[in-house]
Amino acid sequence: MVPQDVATSELALDLIRQDAHFDLAIVDMQMLENADGSLVEEIRKYRDPRTLPVVMLTDIGHQSIEQMPGNVVACLTKPIKPYGLCAIRSSLTWSNTER
């Protein structure tokens, strides 16, 4: 897994539209400035949750996955702890090997 960061949601979508390979998308709620208001919904037009799981970074008080747009597999409250991200990545790897 090689990290790739982008400054805006539009740049992230450009990479996805160009069929760049990603194991996991980590989306900050503050990146939801794209035209229709939901980066996750836009990602889902190009990739389904099995091929590109999305983890949402949230502020304290917005950590419920039910409050998140689209098909988000997990939420992490900022500032994130490395073990929290590792646990999510491990659970996704385990889930994918069971399929």
N, C-alpha and C. Protein backbone atom coordinates (compact mmCIF):
# COMPACT_ATOMS: atom_id res chain seq x y z
N MET A 1 0.83 -1.16 0.00
CA MET A 1 0.00 0.00 0.00
C MET A 1 0.89 1.24 0.00
N VAL A 2 0.71 2.12 -0.97
CA VAL A 2 1.48 3.34 -1.09
C VAL A 2 0.53 4.52 -0.94
N PRO A 3 0.76 5.41 0.03
CA PRO A 3 -0.16 6.53 0.22
C PRO A 3 -0.06 7.56 -0.91
N GLN A 4 -1.17 8.20 -1.17
CA GLN A 4 -1.25 9.28 -2.16
C GLN A 4 -2.16 10.34 -1.56
N ASP A 5 -1.65 11.54 -1.38
CA ASP A 5 -2.52 12.58 -0.85
C ASP A 5 -2.82 13.61 -1.94
N VAL A 6 -3.97 14.24 -1.80
CA VAL A 6 -4.38 15.28 -2.74
C VAL A 6 -4.93 16.45 -1.94
N ALA A 7 -4.93 17.63 -2.54
CA ALA A 7 -5.34 18.85 -1.85
C ALA A 7 -6.85 19.09 -1.90
N THR A 8 -7.51 18.56 -2.92
CA THR A 8 -8.95 18.82 -3.08
C THR A 8 -9.69 17.55 -3.46
N SER A 9 -10.99 17.57 -3.26
CA SER A 9 -11.81 16.42 -3.64
C SER A 9 -11.80 16.23 -5.16
N GLU A 10 -11.72 17.31 -5.90
CA GLU A 10 -11.71 17.19 -7.36
C GLU A 10 -10.46 16.47 -7.86
N LEU A 11 -9.32 16.73 -7.22
CA LEU A 11 -8.10 16.01 -7.59
C LEU A 11 -8.21 14.53 -7.25
N ALA A 12 -8.83 14.23 -6.12
CA ALA A 12 -9.04 12.83 -5.75
C ALA A 12 -9.93 12.14 -6.79
N LEU A 13 -11.00 12.79 -7.18
CA LEU A 13 -11.89 12.21 -8.18
C LEU A 13 -11.20 12.04 -9.52
N ASP A 14 -10.35 12.98 -9.89
CA ASP A 14 -9.60 12.85 -11.15
C ASP A 14 -8.77 11.57 -11.16
N LEU A 15 -8.10 11.27 -10.05
CA LEU A 15 -7.31 10.04 -9.97
C LEU A 15 -8.19 8.81 -10.10
N ILE A 16 -9.34 8.83 -9.46
CA ILE A 16 -10.26 7.69 -9.53
C ILE A 16 -10.81 7.55 -10.94
N ARG A 17 -11.16 8.66 -11.56
CA ARG A 17 -11.66 8.62 -12.94
C ARG A 17 -10.61 8.09 -13.91
N GLN A 18 -9.33 8.33 -13.61
CA GLN A 18 -8.24 7.85 -14.45
C GLN A 18 -7.89 6.40 -14.14
N ASP A 19 -8.70 5.77 -13.30
CA ASP A 19 -8.57 4.36 -12.95
C ASP A 19 -7.29 4.04 -12.17
N ALA A 20 -6.82 5.01 -11.38
CA ALA A 20 -5.68 4.75 -10.51
C ALA A 20 -6.10 3.73 -9.46
N HIS A 21 -5.19 2.83 -9.09
CA HIS A 21 -5.51 1.79 -8.12
C HIS A 21 -5.29 2.28 -6.70
N PHE A 22 -6.29 2.06 -5.85
CA PHE A 22 -6.19 2.36 -4.43
C PHE A 22 -6.79 1.21 -3.66
N ASP A 23 -6.17 0.87 -2.53
CA ASP A 23 -6.69 -0.17 -1.65
C ASP A 23 -7.75 0.38 -0.71
N LEU A 24 -7.64 1.68 -0.40
CA LEU A 24 -8.49 2.30 0.60
C LEU A 24 -8.52 3.80 0.35
N ALA A 25 -9.68 4.40 0.50
CA ALA A 25 -9.80 5.86 0.42
C ALA A 25 -10.07 6.39 1.81
N ILE A 26 -9.26 7.34 2.24
CA ILE A 26 -9.47 7.99 3.53
C ILE A 26 -9.89 9.42 3.21
N VAL A 27 -11.13 9.72 3.56
CA VAL A 27 -11.74 10.99 3.18
C VAL A 27 -12.02 11.82 4.42
N ASP A 28 -11.56 13.05 4.41
CA ASP A 28 -11.84 13.98 5.50
C ASP A 28 -13.18 14.65 5.22
N MET A 29 -14.03 14.77 6.24
CA MET A 29 -15.31 15.44 6.05
C MET A 29 -15.13 16.82 5.46
N GLN A 30 -14.01 17.45 5.73
CA GLN A 30 -13.76 18.79 5.20
C GLN A 30 -13.47 18.78 3.70
N MET A 31 -13.30 17.60 3.10
CA MET A 31 -13.08 17.51 1.65
C MET A 31 -14.39 17.40 0.88
N LEU A 32 -15.50 17.50 1.56
CA LEU A 32 -16.79 17.31 0.90
C LEU A 32 -17.28 18.59 0.23
N GLU A 33 -16.38 19.31 -0.43
CA GLU A 33 -16.76 20.56 -1.06
C GLU A 33 -17.08 20.41 -2.55
N ASN A 34 -17.13 19.19 -3.06
CA ASN A 34 -17.41 19.03 -4.48
C ASN A 34 -18.84 19.46 -4.80
N ALA A 35 -19.14 19.58 -6.05
CA ALA A 35 -20.38 20.22 -6.53
C ALA A 35 -21.65 19.68 -5.88
N ASP A 36 -21.79 18.35 -5.77
CA ASP A 36 -23.04 17.82 -5.22
C ASP A 36 -22.95 17.62 -3.70
N GLY A 37 -21.84 18.00 -3.09
CA GLY A 37 -21.73 17.96 -1.64
C GLY A 37 -21.28 16.65 -1.06
N SER A 38 -21.10 15.61 -1.87
CA SER A 38 -20.71 14.32 -1.30
C SER A 38 -19.64 13.64 -2.14
N LEU A 39 -18.44 13.72 -1.67
CA LEU A 39 -17.32 13.07 -2.35
C LEU A 39 -17.52 11.55 -2.39
N VAL A 40 -18.04 11.00 -1.32
CA VAL A 40 -18.23 9.55 -1.26
C VAL A 40 -19.23 9.10 -2.33
N GLU A 41 -20.32 9.81 -2.48
CA GLU A 41 -21.30 9.45 -3.51
C GLU A 41 -20.69 9.55 -4.90
N GLU A 42 -19.84 10.51 -5.10
CA GLU A 42 -19.17 10.66 -6.40
C GLU A 42 -18.18 9.52 -6.62
N ILE A 43 -17.45 9.12 -5.59
CA ILE A 43 -16.53 7.98 -5.69
C ILE A 43 -17.31 6.73 -6.08
N ARG A 44 -18.50 6.55 -5.50
CA ARG A 44 -19.30 5.36 -5.75
C ARG A 44 -19.78 5.26 -7.20
N LYS A 45 -19.76 6.34 -7.94
CA LYS A 45 -20.10 6.29 -9.37
C LYS A 45 -19.04 5.53 -10.15
N TYR A 46 -17.82 5.46 -9.59
CA TYR A 46 -16.70 4.83 -10.29
C TYR A 46 -16.22 3.54 -9.64
N ARG A 47 -16.38 3.43 -8.33
CA ARG A 47 -15.91 2.25 -7.61
C ARG A 47 -16.94 1.83 -6.58
N ASP A 48 -17.15 0.53 -6.47
CA ASP A 48 -18.08 0.04 -5.45
C ASP A 48 -17.31 -0.20 -4.14
N PRO A 49 -18.03 -0.38 -3.03
CA PRO A 49 -17.37 -0.53 -1.73
C PRO A 49 -16.42 -1.72 -1.63
N ARG A 50 -16.63 -2.75 -2.42
CA ARG A 50 -15.72 -3.90 -2.37
C ARG A 50 -14.38 -3.60 -3.02
N THR A 51 -14.38 -2.77 -4.06
CA THR A 51 -13.12 -2.47 -4.75
C THR A 51 -12.42 -1.24 -4.18
N LEU A 52 -13.17 -0.36 -3.51
CA LEU A 52 -12.56 0.81 -2.88
C LEU A 52 -13.32 1.19 -1.61
N PRO A 53 -12.95 0.59 -0.48
CA PRO A 53 -13.57 0.96 0.79
C PRO A 53 -13.21 2.40 1.15
N VAL A 54 -14.15 3.10 1.76
CA VAL A 54 -13.93 4.49 2.16
C VAL A 54 -14.03 4.60 3.68
N VAL A 55 -13.01 5.22 4.27
CA VAL A 55 -12.99 5.54 5.69
C VAL A 55 -13.12 7.05 5.81
N MET A 56 -14.04 7.50 6.65
CA MET A 56 -14.29 8.93 6.82
C MET A 56 -13.61 9.43 8.08
N LEU A 57 -12.85 10.52 7.94
CA LEU A 57 -12.27 11.21 9.09
C LEU A 57 -13.27 12.26 9.54
N THR A 58 -13.62 12.23 10.83
CA THR A 58 -14.64 13.15 11.34
C THR A 58 -14.11 13.96 12.52
N ASP A 59 -14.82 15.02 12.83
CA ASP A 59 -14.54 15.79 14.03
C ASP A 59 -15.23 15.12 15.20
N ILE A 60 -14.80 15.43 16.40
CA ILE A 60 -15.45 14.89 17.59
C ILE A 60 -16.92 15.28 17.56
N GLY A 61 -17.78 14.32 17.84
CA GLY A 61 -19.21 14.56 17.84
C GLY A 61 -19.89 14.12 16.56
N HIS A 62 -19.14 13.78 15.53
CA HIS A 62 -19.70 13.32 14.26
C HIS A 62 -19.15 11.94 13.91
N GLN A 63 -19.05 11.06 14.89
CA GLN A 63 -18.39 9.79 14.65
C GLN A 63 -19.32 8.64 14.30
N SER A 64 -20.62 8.87 14.22
CA SER A 64 -21.55 7.81 13.89
C SER A 64 -21.53 7.53 12.39
N ILE A 65 -21.35 6.27 12.04
CA ILE A 65 -21.32 5.89 10.63
C ILE A 65 -22.67 6.14 9.96
N GLU A 66 -23.75 6.13 10.75
CA GLU A 66 -25.08 6.39 10.19
C GLU A 66 -25.22 7.82 9.72
N GLN A 67 -24.39 8.72 10.24
CA GLN A 67 -24.44 10.12 9.84
C GLN A 67 -23.62 10.39 8.58
N MET A 68 -22.90 9.41 8.10
CA MET A 68 -22.01 9.59 6.97
C MET A 68 -22.73 9.37 5.64
N PRO A 69 -22.30 10.09 4.60
CA PRO A 69 -22.90 9.91 3.27
C PRO A 69 -22.39 8.64 2.59
N GLY A 70 -23.21 8.10 1.73
CA GLY A 70 -22.77 6.99 0.89
C GLY A 70 -22.40 5.75 1.65
N ASN A 71 -21.58 4.94 1.05
CA ASN A 71 -21.15 3.67 1.62
C ASN A 71 -19.79 3.80 2.26
N VAL A 72 -19.77 4.29 3.48
CA VAL A 72 -18.55 4.45 4.26
C VAL A 72 -18.39 3.21 5.13
N VAL A 73 -17.21 2.60 5.11
CA VAL A 73 -17.01 1.37 5.88
C VAL A 73 -16.66 1.63 7.34
N ALA A 74 -16.12 2.82 7.62
CA ALA A 74 -15.74 3.14 9.00
C ALA A 74 -15.54 4.64 9.15
N CYS A 75 -15.60 5.09 10.39
CA CYS A 75 -15.32 6.48 10.72
C CYS A 75 -14.22 6.53 11.77
N LEU A 76 -13.34 7.48 11.64
CA LEU A 76 -12.30 7.72 12.63
C LEU A 76 -12.38 9.17 13.05
N THR A 77 -12.34 9.40 14.35
CA THR A 77 -12.37 10.76 14.88
C THR A 77 -10.97 11.36 14.85
N LYS A 78 -10.88 12.59 14.34
CA LYS A 78 -9.59 13.29 14.32
C LYS A 78 -9.28 13.84 15.70
N PRO A 79 -8.04 13.88 16.09
CA PRO A 79 -6.89 13.34 15.37
C PRO A 79 -6.88 11.81 15.47
N ILE A 80 -6.56 11.18 14.36
CA ILE A 80 -6.61 9.72 14.35
C ILE A 80 -5.39 9.14 15.05
N LYS A 81 -5.60 7.98 15.61
CA LYS A 81 -4.52 7.24 16.24
C LYS A 81 -4.08 6.16 15.25
N PRO A 82 -2.79 5.94 15.10
CA PRO A 82 -2.30 4.95 14.13
C PRO A 82 -2.93 3.57 14.33
N TYR A 83 -3.11 3.14 15.58
CA TYR A 83 -3.67 1.80 15.79
C TYR A 83 -5.12 1.72 15.33
N GLY A 84 -5.85 2.83 15.35
CA GLY A 84 -7.24 2.83 14.86
C GLY A 84 -7.27 2.58 13.36
N LEU A 85 -6.40 3.26 12.63
CA LEU A 85 -6.33 3.06 11.18
C LEU A 85 -5.83 1.66 10.85
N CYS A 86 -4.85 1.17 11.59
CA CYS A 86 -4.33 -0.19 11.36
C CYS A 86 -5.42 -1.24 11.61
N ALA A 87 -6.23 -1.03 12.64
CA ALA A 87 -7.30 -1.98 12.94
C ALA A 87 -8.33 -2.02 11.82
N ILE A 88 -8.68 -0.86 11.28
CA ILE A 88 -9.64 -0.82 10.17
C ILE A 88 -9.04 -1.50 8.94
N ARG A 89 -7.80 -1.20 8.64
CA ARG A 89 -7.14 -1.82 7.47
C ARG A 89 -7.05 -3.33 7.64
N SER A 90 -6.73 -3.78 8.83
CA SER A 90 -6.66 -5.22 9.08
C SER A 90 -8.02 -5.89 8.92
N SER A 91 -9.06 -5.25 9.42
CA SER A 91 -10.40 -5.84 9.29
C SER A 91 -10.84 -5.89 7.84
N LEU A 92 -10.45 -4.90 7.04
CA LEU A 92 -10.80 -4.91 5.62
C LEU A 92 -10.03 -6.00 4.89
N THR A 93 -8.77 -6.18 5.23
CA THR A 93 -7.98 -7.24 4.62
C THR A 93 -8.57 -8.60 4.97
N TRP A 94 -8.96 -8.78 6.21
CA TRP A 94 -9.56 -10.03 6.65
C TRP A 94 -10.88 -10.28 5.91
N SER A 95 -11.70 -9.25 5.78
CA SER A 95 -12.99 -9.38 5.09
C SER A 95 -12.79 -9.77 3.64
N ASN A 96 -11.81 -9.17 2.99
CA ASN A 96 -11.56 -9.45 1.57
C ASN A 96 -11.05 -10.85 1.34
N THR A 97 -10.34 -11.42 2.29
CA THR A 97 -9.83 -12.78 2.12
C THR A 97 -10.94 -13.80 2.32
N GLU A 98 -12.02 -13.41 3.00
CA GLU A 98 -13.13 -14.33 3.21
C GLU A 98 -14.05 -14.43 2.01
N ARG A 99 -13.95 -13.51 1.07
CA ARG A 99 -14.85 -13.46 -0.09
C ARG A 99 -14.42 -14.37 -1.18
